[in-house]
N, C-alpha and C. Protein backbone atom coordinates (compact mmCIF):
# COMPACT_ATOMS: atom_id res chain seq x y z
N MET A 1 56.56 -103.83 31.46
CA MET A 1 55.04 -104.38 30.96
C MET A 1 54.85 -103.31 29.95
N ALA A 2 53.67 -103.44 28.93
CA ALA A 2 53.64 -102.75 27.74
C ALA A 2 52.34 -101.88 28.42
N GLY A 3 51.06 -102.10 29.08
CA GLY A 3 50.24 -101.66 29.51
C GLY A 3 50.54 -101.25 31.25
N PRO A 4 49.74 -100.29 31.71
CA PRO A 4 49.40 -100.37 33.10
C PRO A 4 49.61 -101.62 34.02
N LEU A 5 50.09 -101.70 35.42
CA LEU A 5 50.16 -102.76 36.00
C LEU A 5 49.02 -103.00 36.76
N ARG A 6 48.10 -103.53 36.62
CA ARG A 6 46.46 -103.36 37.23
C ARG A 6 46.69 -103.82 38.57
N ILE A 7 46.25 -103.30 39.50
CA ILE A 7 46.27 -104.12 40.78
C ILE A 7 44.95 -104.13 41.59
N VAL A 8 44.39 -104.71 42.10
CA VAL A 8 43.10 -104.60 42.85
C VAL A 8 43.53 -105.14 44.16
N MET A 9 42.96 -104.07 44.88
CA MET A 9 43.16 -104.51 46.60
C MET A 9 41.58 -104.65 47.43
N LEU A 10 41.17 -105.49 48.10
CA LEU A 10 40.20 -105.66 48.57
C LEU A 10 39.87 -104.73 49.95
N ALA A 11 39.12 -104.12 49.94
CA ALA A 11 38.42 -103.25 51.31
C ALA A 11 37.25 -103.63 51.82
N TYR A 12 37.19 -103.75 53.26
CA TYR A 12 35.97 -104.06 53.72
C TYR A 12 36.09 -103.72 54.89
N PRO A 13 34.75 -103.35 55.53
CA PRO A 13 34.63 -103.02 57.09
C PRO A 13 34.97 -104.01 58.12
N ASP A 14 35.51 -103.53 59.04
CA ASP A 14 36.47 -103.99 60.17
C ASP A 14 37.78 -104.97 59.38
N MET A 15 38.32 -104.08 58.51
CA MET A 15 39.53 -105.14 57.97
C MET A 15 40.54 -104.51 59.01
N THR A 16 41.91 -104.92 58.98
CA THR A 16 42.96 -104.29 59.48
C THR A 16 43.87 -103.41 58.78
N GLN A 17 43.49 -102.16 58.80
CA GLN A 17 44.18 -100.97 57.67
C GLN A 17 45.44 -101.43 57.53
N LEU A 18 46.42 -101.54 58.23
CA LEU A 18 48.19 -101.89 58.07
C LEU A 18 48.12 -103.10 56.86
N ASP A 19 47.41 -104.13 57.21
CA ASP A 19 47.16 -105.27 55.93
C ASP A 19 47.29 -104.58 54.59
N LEU A 20 46.22 -103.57 54.47
CA LEU A 20 46.39 -102.98 52.84
C LEU A 20 47.31 -101.79 52.82
N THR A 21 47.14 -100.85 53.88
CA THR A 21 48.16 -99.58 53.57
C THR A 21 49.64 -99.98 53.24
N GLY A 22 50.23 -100.85 54.20
CA GLY A 22 51.53 -101.27 53.86
C GLY A 22 51.93 -101.88 52.41
N PRO A 23 51.24 -102.74 52.28
CA PRO A 23 51.44 -103.10 50.75
C PRO A 23 51.21 -102.21 50.02
N PHE A 24 50.14 -101.39 49.97
CA PHE A 24 49.72 -100.42 49.29
C PHE A 24 50.75 -99.51 48.92
N GLU A 25 51.95 -99.29 50.08
CA GLU A 25 53.19 -98.24 49.85
C GLU A 25 53.83 -98.63 49.06
N VAL A 26 53.99 -99.99 48.91
CA VAL A 26 55.23 -100.63 48.28
C VAL A 26 54.84 -100.81 46.92
N LEU A 27 53.42 -101.24 46.92
CA LEU A 27 53.11 -101.73 45.12
C LEU A 27 52.53 -100.19 44.38
N ALA A 28 52.62 -99.50 45.14
CA ALA A 28 52.33 -98.10 44.59
C ALA A 28 53.56 -97.49 43.83
N ARG A 29 54.41 -97.81 44.21
CA ARG A 29 55.60 -97.54 43.73
C ARG A 29 56.19 -98.38 42.33
N LEU A 30 55.81 -99.34 42.02
CA LEU A 30 56.20 -100.33 40.78
C LEU A 30 55.89 -99.29 39.65
N PRO A 31 56.71 -99.43 38.80
CA PRO A 31 56.60 -98.62 37.50
C PRO A 31 55.22 -99.15 37.02
N GLY A 32 54.53 -98.52 36.66
CA GLY A 32 53.08 -98.38 35.70
C GLY A 32 52.11 -99.10 36.80
N ALA A 33 52.32 -98.98 37.82
CA ALA A 33 51.42 -99.38 38.83
C ALA A 33 49.99 -98.80 38.67
N LYS A 34 49.04 -99.56 38.67
CA LYS A 34 47.38 -98.60 38.70
C LYS A 34 46.70 -99.54 39.70
N ILE A 35 46.47 -98.66 40.81
CA ILE A 35 45.75 -99.44 41.90
C ILE A 35 44.24 -99.00 42.05
N ASP A 36 43.23 -100.15 42.31
CA ASP A 36 41.97 -100.01 42.55
C ASP A 36 41.76 -100.48 43.86
N ILE A 37 41.32 -99.84 44.90
CA ILE A 37 40.84 -100.12 45.73
C ILE A 37 39.22 -100.84 45.83
N ALA A 38 38.98 -101.92 46.10
CA ALA A 38 37.61 -102.40 45.54
C ALA A 38 36.86 -102.66 46.64
N TRP A 39 35.44 -102.72 46.89
CA TRP A 39 34.37 -102.90 47.63
C TRP A 39 32.94 -103.06 46.97
N LYS A 40 32.01 -103.65 47.19
CA LYS A 40 30.64 -103.61 46.88
C LYS A 40 30.24 -102.38 46.15
N LYS A 41 30.47 -100.86 46.87
CA LYS A 41 29.95 -99.97 46.27
C LYS A 41 31.24 -99.28 46.73
N ALA A 42 31.58 -97.89 45.55
CA ALA A 42 32.85 -96.93 45.63
C ALA A 42 32.06 -95.85 46.26
N GLY A 43 32.81 -94.62 46.54
CA GLY A 43 32.25 -93.44 47.02
C GLY A 43 31.72 -93.36 48.46
N LYS A 44 31.96 -94.38 49.12
CA LYS A 44 31.58 -94.29 50.62
C LYS A 44 32.64 -95.07 51.31
N PRO A 45 33.01 -94.65 52.47
CA PRO A 45 34.51 -94.90 53.20
C PRO A 45 33.99 -96.36 53.86
N VAL A 46 35.02 -97.23 53.83
CA VAL A 46 34.63 -98.49 54.87
C VAL A 46 35.98 -98.03 56.00
N VAL A 47 35.12 -98.52 57.14
CA VAL A 47 35.88 -98.33 58.52
C VAL A 47 36.52 -99.24 58.84
N ASP A 48 37.72 -98.94 59.39
CA ASP A 48 38.66 -100.45 59.41
C ASP A 48 38.50 -100.88 60.85
N ALA A 49 38.93 -101.60 61.79
CA ALA A 49 38.50 -102.14 62.88
C ALA A 49 38.80 -101.06 64.05
N SER A 50 39.89 -100.45 64.04
CA SER A 50 40.19 -99.61 64.76
C SER A 50 39.58 -97.95 64.37
N GLY A 51 38.68 -97.95 63.58
CA GLY A 51 38.03 -96.63 63.20
C GLY A 51 38.68 -95.64 62.11
N LEU A 52 39.80 -96.31 61.25
CA LEU A 52 40.25 -95.41 60.49
C LEU A 52 39.27 -95.80 59.11
N ALA A 53 38.85 -94.36 58.40
CA ALA A 53 38.05 -94.96 57.17
C ALA A 53 38.77 -94.67 55.98
N LEU A 54 38.46 -95.43 54.94
CA LEU A 54 39.36 -95.76 53.77
C LEU A 54 38.40 -95.54 52.74
N MET A 55 38.67 -94.66 51.81
CA MET A 55 37.70 -94.63 50.40
C MET A 55 37.78 -95.58 49.33
N PRO A 56 37.15 -96.48 49.11
CA PRO A 56 37.25 -97.29 47.83
C PRO A 56 36.95 -96.64 46.70
N THR A 57 38.07 -96.86 45.52
CA THR A 57 37.65 -96.35 44.26
C THR A 57 37.15 -96.81 43.24
N ALA A 58 36.74 -97.98 43.62
CA ALA A 58 35.77 -98.74 42.52
C ALA A 58 35.08 -99.84 43.15
N ALA A 59 33.78 -100.15 42.40
CA ALA A 59 33.00 -101.06 43.01
C ALA A 59 33.61 -102.36 42.06
N PHE A 60 32.98 -103.52 42.90
CA PHE A 60 32.95 -104.64 42.26
C PHE A 60 32.59 -104.85 40.93
N ARG A 61 31.76 -104.11 40.50
CA ARG A 61 30.94 -104.28 39.02
C ARG A 61 31.71 -103.59 38.19
N GLU A 62 32.50 -102.49 38.66
CA GLU A 62 33.38 -101.91 37.57
C GLU A 62 34.85 -102.25 37.06
N LEU A 63 35.22 -103.36 37.65
CA LEU A 63 36.26 -103.86 37.47
C LEU A 63 36.12 -105.40 36.70
N ASP A 64 37.17 -105.25 35.46
CA ASP A 64 36.74 -106.59 34.63
C ASP A 64 38.31 -107.66 34.97
N GLY A 65 38.97 -107.28 35.61
CA GLY A 65 40.26 -107.97 35.70
C GLY A 65 41.57 -107.23 36.13
N CYS A 66 42.80 -108.20 36.38
CA CYS A 66 43.74 -107.39 37.11
C CYS A 66 44.93 -108.45 36.96
N GLU A 67 46.28 -107.87 37.33
CA GLU A 67 47.39 -108.51 37.18
C GLU A 67 47.62 -109.02 38.63
N VAL A 68 47.44 -108.40 39.55
CA VAL A 68 47.88 -108.70 40.76
C VAL A 68 46.10 -108.69 41.95
N LEU A 69 45.85 -109.52 42.55
CA LEU A 69 44.46 -109.42 43.34
C LEU A 69 45.36 -109.35 44.74
N PHE A 70 44.88 -108.85 45.51
CA PHE A 70 45.15 -108.93 46.82
C PHE A 70 44.03 -108.54 47.92
N VAL A 71 44.09 -109.27 49.28
CA VAL A 71 43.29 -109.47 50.12
C VAL A 71 43.84 -109.29 51.47
N PRO A 72 43.26 -108.29 51.94
CA PRO A 72 43.92 -108.00 53.63
C PRO A 72 43.03 -108.82 54.63
N GLY A 73 43.46 -108.58 55.45
CA GLY A 73 42.94 -109.31 56.83
C GLY A 73 42.44 -108.65 58.07
N GLY A 74 41.71 -109.05 58.83
CA GLY A 74 41.35 -108.39 60.00
C GLY A 74 39.78 -108.86 60.34
N PRO A 75 39.35 -108.64 61.38
CA PRO A 75 38.27 -109.18 62.11
C PRO A 75 37.13 -109.46 61.32
N GLY A 76 36.83 -108.13 60.02
CA GLY A 76 35.93 -108.34 59.47
C GLY A 76 35.59 -109.24 58.41
N GLN A 77 37.16 -109.99 58.43
CA GLN A 77 37.11 -111.41 57.55
C GLN A 77 35.92 -112.46 57.86
N LEU A 78 35.68 -112.58 58.95
CA LEU A 78 34.61 -113.22 59.41
C LEU A 78 33.34 -113.14 58.50
N ALA A 79 32.95 -112.11 58.70
CA ALA A 79 31.72 -111.87 58.06
C ALA A 79 31.91 -112.18 56.05
N LEU A 80 33.17 -112.20 55.72
CA LEU A 80 33.06 -112.42 54.44
C LEU A 80 33.13 -113.81 53.81
N MET A 81 33.62 -114.80 54.91
CA MET A 81 34.04 -115.93 54.59
C MET A 81 32.51 -116.78 53.87
N GLU A 82 31.31 -116.26 54.07
CA GLU A 82 30.05 -116.83 53.47
C GLU A 82 29.26 -115.66 52.30
N ASP A 83 30.10 -114.75 52.41
CA ASP A 83 29.39 -113.69 51.37
C ASP A 83 29.86 -113.93 50.18
N LYS A 84 28.73 -114.24 49.62
CA LYS A 84 28.28 -114.64 47.72
C LYS A 84 29.26 -113.93 47.03
N ALA A 85 29.00 -112.57 47.30
CA ALA A 85 29.38 -111.29 46.47
C ALA A 85 30.68 -110.98 46.41
N THR A 86 31.48 -111.07 47.83
CA THR A 86 32.68 -110.92 47.73
C THR A 86 33.62 -112.03 47.22
N LEU A 87 32.95 -113.36 47.61
CA LEU A 87 33.88 -114.40 47.11
C LEU A 87 33.42 -114.83 45.74
N GLY A 88 32.63 -114.41 44.65
CA GLY A 88 32.53 -114.75 43.60
C GLY A 88 33.42 -113.36 42.80
N PHE A 89 33.42 -112.04 43.33
CA PHE A 89 34.27 -111.35 42.90
C PHE A 89 35.83 -111.82 43.03
N LEU A 90 35.93 -112.16 44.08
CA LEU A 90 37.75 -112.83 44.29
C LEU A 90 37.90 -113.76 42.87
N GLN A 91 36.98 -114.87 43.21
CA GLN A 91 37.21 -116.01 41.84
C GLN A 91 37.24 -115.33 40.44
N GLU A 92 36.14 -114.37 40.37
CA GLU A 92 36.29 -113.80 38.96
C GLU A 92 37.55 -113.04 38.83
N MET A 93 37.91 -112.44 39.62
CA MET A 93 39.37 -111.74 39.68
C MET A 93 40.61 -112.76 39.48
N ALA A 94 40.57 -113.70 40.21
CA ALA A 94 41.78 -114.53 40.28
C ALA A 94 41.73 -115.43 38.78
N ALA A 95 40.66 -115.80 38.37
CA ALA A 95 40.68 -116.58 37.13
C ALA A 95 41.52 -115.64 36.18
N GLY A 96 41.79 -114.74 36.25
CA GLY A 96 42.75 -113.90 35.12
C GLY A 96 44.07 -113.18 35.71
N ALA A 97 44.13 -113.11 36.74
CA ALA A 97 45.46 -112.49 37.67
C ALA A 97 46.45 -113.42 37.63
N ARG A 98 47.58 -112.84 37.37
CA ARG A 98 48.98 -113.36 37.48
C ARG A 98 49.26 -113.68 38.87
N TYR A 99 49.04 -112.98 39.77
CA TYR A 99 49.16 -113.05 41.09
C TYR A 99 48.17 -113.22 42.14
N VAL A 100 48.07 -113.80 42.86
CA VAL A 100 46.78 -114.01 43.83
C VAL A 100 47.32 -113.81 44.99
N THR A 101 47.25 -112.90 45.85
CA THR A 101 47.84 -112.58 47.21
C THR A 101 47.11 -112.17 48.25
N SER A 102 47.68 -112.44 49.42
CA SER A 102 47.01 -112.01 50.73
C SER A 102 48.08 -111.76 52.13
N VAL A 103 47.29 -111.02 53.01
CA VAL A 103 47.97 -110.66 54.23
C VAL A 103 47.46 -111.12 55.31
N CYS A 104 47.70 -111.81 56.51
CA CYS A 104 47.29 -112.29 57.59
C CYS A 104 46.02 -113.09 57.35
N THR A 105 44.55 -112.65 57.77
CA THR A 105 43.76 -113.56 57.63
C THR A 105 42.80 -113.45 56.48
N GLY A 106 43.64 -112.52 55.61
CA GLY A 106 43.11 -112.49 54.19
C GLY A 106 43.17 -113.78 53.33
N SER A 107 44.00 -114.71 53.85
CA SER A 107 44.22 -116.07 53.20
C SER A 107 42.99 -116.75 53.48
N LEU A 108 42.54 -116.70 54.78
CA LEU A 108 41.26 -117.50 54.93
C LEU A 108 40.18 -116.81 54.04
N ILE A 109 39.96 -115.59 53.42
CA ILE A 109 39.08 -115.37 52.56
C ILE A 109 39.41 -116.00 51.20
N LEU A 110 40.78 -115.77 50.79
CA LEU A 110 40.97 -116.68 49.67
C LEU A 110 40.52 -118.25 49.95
N GLY A 111 40.94 -118.77 50.76
CA GLY A 111 40.55 -120.13 50.96
C GLY A 111 39.21 -120.37 50.90
N ALA A 112 38.49 -119.31 51.58
CA ALA A 112 37.16 -119.79 51.47
C ALA A 112 36.30 -119.54 50.10
N ALA A 113 37.03 -118.57 49.21
CA ALA A 113 36.70 -118.59 47.70
C ALA A 113 37.07 -119.77 47.21
N GLY A 114 37.81 -120.77 47.66
CA GLY A 114 38.31 -122.08 46.87
C GLY A 114 39.93 -121.64 46.28
N LEU A 115 40.18 -120.83 46.48
CA LEU A 115 41.59 -120.07 45.95
C LEU A 115 42.68 -120.69 46.52
N LEU A 116 42.76 -121.43 47.54
CA LEU A 116 44.09 -121.94 48.01
C LEU A 116 43.76 -123.59 47.96
N LYS A 117 43.16 -124.10 47.62
CA LYS A 117 43.13 -125.49 47.86
C LYS A 117 44.46 -126.10 47.04
N GLY A 118 45.33 -126.96 47.86
CA GLY A 118 46.50 -127.52 47.38
C GLY A 118 47.63 -126.62 47.47
N TYR A 119 47.46 -125.44 47.82
CA TYR A 119 48.57 -124.54 47.68
C TYR A 119 49.11 -124.46 49.34
N ARG A 120 50.50 -124.23 49.52
CA ARG A 120 51.00 -123.67 50.70
C ARG A 120 50.70 -122.69 51.13
N ALA A 121 50.58 -122.34 52.05
CA ALA A 121 49.95 -120.66 52.19
C ALA A 121 50.34 -120.38 53.96
N THR A 122 50.35 -118.94 54.30
CA THR A 122 50.23 -118.61 55.58
C THR A 122 49.40 -117.81 56.07
N CYS A 123 49.42 -117.14 57.18
CA CYS A 123 48.45 -116.66 57.81
C CYS A 123 49.02 -115.90 59.22
N HIS A 124 48.27 -115.03 59.65
CA HIS A 124 48.41 -114.77 61.14
C HIS A 124 48.48 -116.00 62.18
N TRP A 125 49.72 -116.16 63.04
CA TRP A 125 49.90 -117.22 63.69
C TRP A 125 48.76 -117.77 64.61
N LEU A 126 47.58 -116.62 64.88
CA LEU A 126 46.72 -117.32 65.83
C LEU A 126 45.62 -118.03 64.96
N SER A 127 45.75 -117.83 63.87
CA SER A 127 44.72 -118.50 62.87
C SER A 127 45.06 -119.52 61.85
N LEU A 128 46.95 -119.38 61.65
CA LEU A 128 47.37 -120.31 60.88
C LEU A 128 46.64 -122.02 60.51
N PRO A 129 46.41 -122.61 61.51
CA PRO A 129 45.76 -124.11 61.57
C PRO A 129 44.45 -123.92 60.57
N GLN A 130 43.53 -123.04 60.93
CA GLN A 130 42.40 -122.72 60.27
C GLN A 130 42.66 -122.94 58.65
N LEU A 131 43.87 -122.63 57.97
CA LEU A 131 43.73 -122.80 56.56
C LEU A 131 43.76 -124.13 56.23
N ALA A 132 43.89 -125.47 57.00
CA ALA A 132 43.90 -126.44 56.62
C ALA A 132 42.51 -126.81 56.44
N HIS A 133 41.31 -126.11 57.04
CA HIS A 133 40.02 -126.78 56.77
C HIS A 133 39.32 -126.14 55.65
N LEU A 134 40.30 -125.47 54.82
CA LEU A 134 39.73 -124.74 53.81
C LEU A 134 40.65 -125.34 52.33
N GLY A 135 41.61 -126.58 52.78
CA GLY A 135 42.67 -127.26 51.67
C GLY A 135 43.59 -126.79 51.64
N ALA A 136 44.14 -125.70 52.07
CA ALA A 136 45.29 -125.18 52.03
C ALA A 136 46.52 -125.83 52.73
N ILE A 137 47.72 -125.88 52.89
CA ILE A 137 48.65 -126.43 53.35
C ILE A 137 49.38 -124.94 54.07
N PRO A 138 48.94 -125.11 55.72
CA PRO A 138 49.48 -124.09 56.51
C PRO A 138 50.97 -124.53 56.53
N VAL A 139 51.75 -123.16 56.42
CA VAL A 139 53.23 -122.95 56.75
C VAL A 139 53.36 -122.08 57.53
N ALA A 140 53.95 -122.42 58.71
CA ALA A 140 54.59 -121.21 59.51
C ALA A 140 55.55 -120.37 59.29
N GLU A 141 55.81 -119.46 58.22
CA GLU A 141 56.80 -118.66 57.42
C GLU A 141 56.35 -117.45 57.41
N ARG A 142 56.90 -116.14 57.17
CA ARG A 142 56.53 -114.76 57.20
C ARG A 142 55.71 -114.39 55.75
N VAL A 143 56.58 -114.86 54.95
CA VAL A 143 56.23 -114.87 53.35
C VAL A 143 56.09 -116.27 52.85
N VAL A 144 55.05 -116.93 52.07
CA VAL A 144 55.10 -118.23 51.43
C VAL A 144 54.84 -117.72 50.13
N VAL A 145 55.47 -118.53 49.25
CA VAL A 145 54.83 -118.48 47.61
C VAL A 145 55.03 -119.78 47.15
N ASP A 146 53.66 -120.02 46.60
CA ASP A 146 53.71 -121.08 45.83
C ASP A 146 53.02 -121.09 44.73
N ARG A 147 53.83 -121.29 43.39
CA ARG A 147 53.31 -120.85 42.15
C ARG A 147 52.74 -119.19 42.29
N ASN A 148 51.48 -119.21 41.80
CA ASN A 148 51.28 -117.72 41.90
C ASN A 148 50.45 -117.10 43.08
N ARG A 149 50.85 -117.97 44.12
CA ARG A 149 49.88 -117.85 45.11
C ARG A 149 50.93 -116.87 46.20
N PHE A 150 50.52 -115.67 46.72
CA PHE A 150 51.86 -115.06 47.72
C PHE A 150 50.97 -114.65 48.67
N THR A 151 51.24 -115.23 50.04
CA THR A 151 50.62 -114.97 51.21
C THR A 151 51.77 -114.44 52.23
N GLY A 152 50.98 -113.57 53.21
CA GLY A 152 51.96 -113.07 54.02
C GLY A 152 51.17 -113.33 55.77
N ALA A 153 52.31 -113.21 56.69
CA ALA A 153 51.49 -113.92 57.78
C ALA A 153 51.08 -112.73 58.45
N GLY A 154 50.78 -112.28 59.73
CA GLY A 154 50.17 -111.43 60.44
C GLY A 154 50.51 -109.92 60.02
N VAL A 155 49.78 -109.12 59.64
CA VAL A 155 49.54 -107.38 59.86
C VAL A 155 50.86 -106.96 59.15
N SER A 156 52.10 -106.89 60.22
CA SER A 156 53.18 -106.17 59.73
C SER A 156 53.87 -106.75 58.48
N SER A 157 53.99 -108.02 58.34
CA SER A 157 54.38 -109.06 57.61
C SER A 157 53.96 -108.03 55.80
N GLY A 158 52.94 -107.53 55.80
CA GLY A 158 52.68 -107.24 54.40
C GLY A 158 53.55 -106.36 53.60
N ILE A 159 54.32 -105.66 54.37
CA ILE A 159 55.55 -105.16 53.44
C ILE A 159 56.48 -106.07 52.89
N ASP A 160 56.84 -106.88 53.64
CA ASP A 160 57.72 -108.46 53.51
C ASP A 160 57.02 -108.88 52.10
N LEU A 161 55.93 -109.12 52.40
CA LEU A 161 54.92 -109.66 51.23
C LEU A 161 55.03 -108.81 49.69
N ALA A 162 54.76 -107.64 49.88
CA ALA A 162 54.70 -106.83 48.92
C ALA A 162 56.05 -106.68 48.20
N LEU A 163 57.05 -106.48 49.00
CA LEU A 163 58.59 -106.41 48.41
C LEU A 163 59.23 -107.94 48.11
N THR A 164 58.33 -108.88 48.28
CA THR A 164 58.68 -110.13 47.67
C THR A 164 58.08 -110.00 46.27
N LEU A 165 56.79 -109.70 46.26
CA LEU A 165 56.13 -110.00 45.23
C LEU A 165 56.34 -108.60 44.13
N ALA A 166 56.85 -107.44 44.44
CA ALA A 166 57.81 -106.61 43.60
C ALA A 166 58.73 -107.36 43.22
N ALA A 167 59.93 -107.59 43.72
CA ALA A 167 61.39 -108.38 43.23
C ALA A 167 60.45 -109.60 42.32
N GLU A 168 59.41 -110.19 42.46
CA GLU A 168 58.83 -111.15 41.33
C GLU A 168 58.57 -110.50 40.39
N ILE A 169 57.91 -109.26 40.16
CA ILE A 169 57.14 -108.08 39.03
C ILE A 169 58.41 -107.62 38.38
N ALA A 170 59.08 -107.03 38.85
CA ALA A 170 60.01 -105.54 38.70
C ALA A 170 61.73 -106.18 38.62
N GLY A 171 61.61 -107.20 39.63
CA GLY A 171 63.13 -107.35 39.66
C GLY A 171 63.53 -107.21 41.14
N ALA A 172 64.79 -107.55 41.68
CA ALA A 172 65.26 -108.07 43.14
C ALA A 172 65.79 -106.06 43.15
N ASP A 173 66.30 -105.59 41.92
CA ASP A 173 66.96 -104.26 42.24
C ASP A 173 65.87 -103.36 42.59
N GLU A 174 64.75 -103.32 41.80
CA GLU A 174 63.33 -102.55 41.86
C GLU A 174 62.81 -102.82 43.26
N ALA A 175 62.50 -103.51 43.96
CA ALA A 175 62.22 -103.89 44.64
C ALA A 175 63.23 -103.42 46.17
N ARG A 176 64.64 -103.60 46.20
CA ARG A 176 65.47 -103.04 46.87
C ARG A 176 65.36 -101.27 46.79
N ARG A 177 65.16 -100.72 45.63
CA ARG A 177 65.06 -99.31 45.57
C ARG A 177 63.87 -98.79 46.34
N ILE A 178 62.63 -99.64 46.31
CA ILE A 178 61.64 -99.44 46.94
C ILE A 178 62.07 -99.77 48.46
N ALA A 179 62.49 -100.42 48.81
CA ALA A 179 62.70 -100.96 50.18
C ALA A 179 63.75 -99.59 50.69
N LEU A 180 64.79 -98.90 50.04
CA LEU A 180 65.59 -98.12 50.51
C LEU A 180 64.54 -96.52 50.44
N ALA A 181 63.79 -96.40 49.41
CA ALA A 181 62.98 -95.38 49.43
C ALA A 181 61.89 -95.32 50.74
N ILE A 182 61.41 -96.50 50.88
CA ILE A 182 60.37 -96.31 52.35
C ILE A 182 61.26 -96.50 53.60
N GLU A 183 62.54 -96.50 53.35
CA GLU A 183 63.70 -96.77 54.82
C GLU A 183 63.06 -97.90 55.45
N TYR A 184 62.74 -99.06 55.03
CA TYR A 184 62.32 -100.22 55.48
C TYR A 184 63.73 -101.03 56.00
N GLN A 185 63.92 -100.92 57.37
CA GLN A 185 65.08 -101.36 57.95
C GLN A 185 64.68 -101.77 59.00
N PRO A 186 63.74 -103.00 59.42
CA PRO A 186 63.09 -103.44 60.57
C PRO A 186 64.16 -103.81 61.92
N GLU A 187 64.01 -103.28 62.59
CA GLU A 187 64.70 -103.74 63.83
C GLU A 187 64.07 -103.58 65.36
N ALA A 188 63.03 -104.67 65.32
CA ALA A 188 61.89 -105.07 66.18
C ALA A 188 62.85 -104.71 67.53
N PRO A 189 61.85 -104.04 67.93
CA PRO A 189 62.11 -103.64 69.76
C PRO A 189 62.01 -104.89 70.65
N PHE A 190 61.33 -105.54 70.26
CA PHE A 190 61.07 -106.90 71.35
C PHE A 190 61.40 -108.47 70.26
N PRO A 191 61.50 -109.39 71.12
CA PRO A 191 62.04 -110.61 70.70
C PRO A 191 60.67 -111.01 69.63
N PRO A 192 61.50 -112.11 68.82
CA PRO A 192 60.45 -112.93 68.25
C PRO A 192 59.45 -113.83 68.70
N ARG A 193 58.56 -114.14 68.17
CA ARG A 193 57.62 -114.79 69.02
C ARG A 193 58.10 -116.29 69.71
N ASP A 194 59.03 -116.90 69.01
CA ASP A 194 59.55 -118.20 69.58
C ASP A 194 59.99 -118.04 70.58
N LYS A 195 60.44 -116.67 70.93
CA LYS A 195 61.87 -116.41 71.74
C LYS A 195 61.31 -115.40 73.00
N GLU A 196 59.77 -115.18 72.82
CA GLU A 196 59.19 -114.13 73.66
C GLU A 196 58.59 -114.89 74.79
N ASP A 197 58.51 -114.20 76.21
CA ASP A 197 58.05 -114.79 77.33
C ASP A 197 56.78 -115.62 77.02
N PRO A 198 56.81 -116.82 77.02
CA PRO A 198 55.68 -117.73 77.01
C PRO A 198 54.28 -117.48 77.88
N HIS A 199 54.78 -116.44 78.97
CA HIS A 199 53.15 -116.00 79.46
C HIS A 199 52.77 -114.73 78.77
N LEU A 200 53.55 -114.11 77.91
CA LEU A 200 52.83 -112.97 77.16
C LEU A 200 52.08 -113.86 76.19
N VAL A 201 52.65 -114.60 75.42
CA VAL A 201 52.15 -115.68 74.23
C VAL A 201 50.91 -116.04 74.98
N ALA A 202 50.83 -116.70 75.89
CA ALA A 202 49.81 -117.24 76.50
C ALA A 202 48.60 -116.22 76.69
N GLU A 203 48.86 -115.08 77.20
CA GLU A 203 47.91 -114.25 77.44
C GLU A 203 47.33 -113.69 75.86
N VAL A 204 47.91 -113.38 74.91
CA VAL A 204 47.55 -113.05 73.60
C VAL A 204 46.54 -114.43 73.12
N GLU A 205 46.81 -115.60 73.30
CA GLU A 205 46.25 -116.44 72.71
C GLU A 205 45.03 -116.63 73.65
N ALA A 206 44.63 -116.45 75.12
CA ALA A 206 43.74 -116.49 76.03
C ALA A 206 42.77 -115.12 75.52
N ARG A 207 43.37 -113.64 75.37
CA ARG A 207 42.43 -113.00 74.68
C ARG A 207 41.72 -113.16 73.63
N THR A 208 42.43 -113.92 72.57
CA THR A 208 41.73 -113.84 71.46
C THR A 208 40.81 -115.16 71.17
N ARG A 209 40.77 -115.77 72.08
CA ARG A 209 40.41 -117.49 72.07
C ARG A 209 38.90 -117.36 71.60
N PRO A 210 37.95 -116.60 72.05
CA PRO A 210 36.49 -116.64 71.64
C PRO A 210 36.46 -116.07 70.13
N PHE A 211 37.34 -114.97 69.82
CA PHE A 211 37.12 -114.69 68.48
C PHE A 211 37.74 -115.91 67.51
N GLN A 212 38.86 -116.38 67.74
CA GLN A 212 39.52 -117.40 66.93
C GLN A 212 38.36 -118.77 67.02
N ASP A 213 37.69 -118.99 68.47
CA ASP A 213 36.87 -120.24 67.97
C ASP A 213 35.85 -119.85 66.70
N LYS A 214 35.34 -118.39 66.93
CA LYS A 214 34.40 -118.32 65.90
C LYS A 214 35.30 -118.48 64.43
N ARG A 215 36.33 -118.25 64.26
CA ARG A 215 36.87 -118.21 63.19
C ARG A 215 37.22 -119.67 62.81
N ASP A 216 37.58 -120.33 63.61
CA ASP A 216 37.85 -121.34 63.31
C ASP A 216 36.78 -122.43 62.54
N ALA A 217 35.63 -122.15 63.52
CA ALA A 217 34.08 -122.52 63.28
C ALA A 217 33.69 -122.28 61.81
N ALA A 218 33.80 -120.83 61.34
CA ALA A 218 33.62 -120.41 60.12
C ALA A 218 34.81 -121.28 58.74
N ALA A 219 35.77 -121.49 59.12
CA ALA A 219 36.59 -121.81 58.27
C ALA A 219 36.08 -123.32 58.30
N ARG A 220 35.73 -124.21 59.10
CA ARG A 220 35.04 -125.50 59.20
C ARG A 220 33.93 -125.65 58.27
N ARG A 221 33.23 -124.36 58.61
CA ARG A 221 31.76 -125.05 57.78
C ARG A 221 32.05 -124.26 56.22
N VAL A 222 32.81 -123.51 56.19
CA VAL A 222 32.84 -123.12 54.80
C VAL A 222 33.75 -124.24 53.90
N GLY A 223 34.80 -124.97 54.63
CA GLY A 223 35.52 -125.81 54.14
C GLY A 223 34.85 -127.17 53.69
N ALA A 224 33.74 -127.45 54.87
CA ALA A 224 33.15 -128.50 54.43
C ALA A 224 32.25 -128.40 52.97
N LYS A 225 32.14 -127.35 52.70
CA LYS A 225 31.35 -126.58 51.34
C LYS A 225 32.13 -126.73 50.35
N LEU A 226 33.46 -126.66 50.53
CA LEU A 226 34.20 -126.45 49.17
C LEU A 226 34.20 -127.86 48.20
């Protein structure tokens, strides 16, 4: 690229930090990458759902465009589904972006902004069906690419999403160099969900059901207005 690769990554209270920091580690290694961590105000940390503080580098009003727009997920996603300032910012950034991307329930925020209507997309497995309320086509895959929309499933899939995007932007060899540099060689200690103990899966579903009901209600409410 002739100029810097401008990447805008949304940060917000009660997000899941790994949704952002995993992809950040990959994307920051792309040649020419210039990353802004964006929130309504800069200079004051936002605190993730587990208490980790992250410092935004730019306020919404300070940014006028980007090549890559990225949105993480997390419990704080619920508050942003009807937040006009955030949704308007995402719409503005997406209008000129080459790639519009997300991880986990960040895709629900993109959907709430009307940016996934008619697109295949993925999300955390517990929230995947909610994408349909927002006009997207839910796909149960770790990374889903539909035209310039790149979406990753839950939390840890952010690195996969970012490496897929890196290959698209800088070529497969550069993405593989990044994977080697960060020693990304996942060997999961436990079975994948479709081979996991069904009782454990059911327990996770039961523990998260009250919050998932709130997410589903929000997605339905927002989707009805799109």
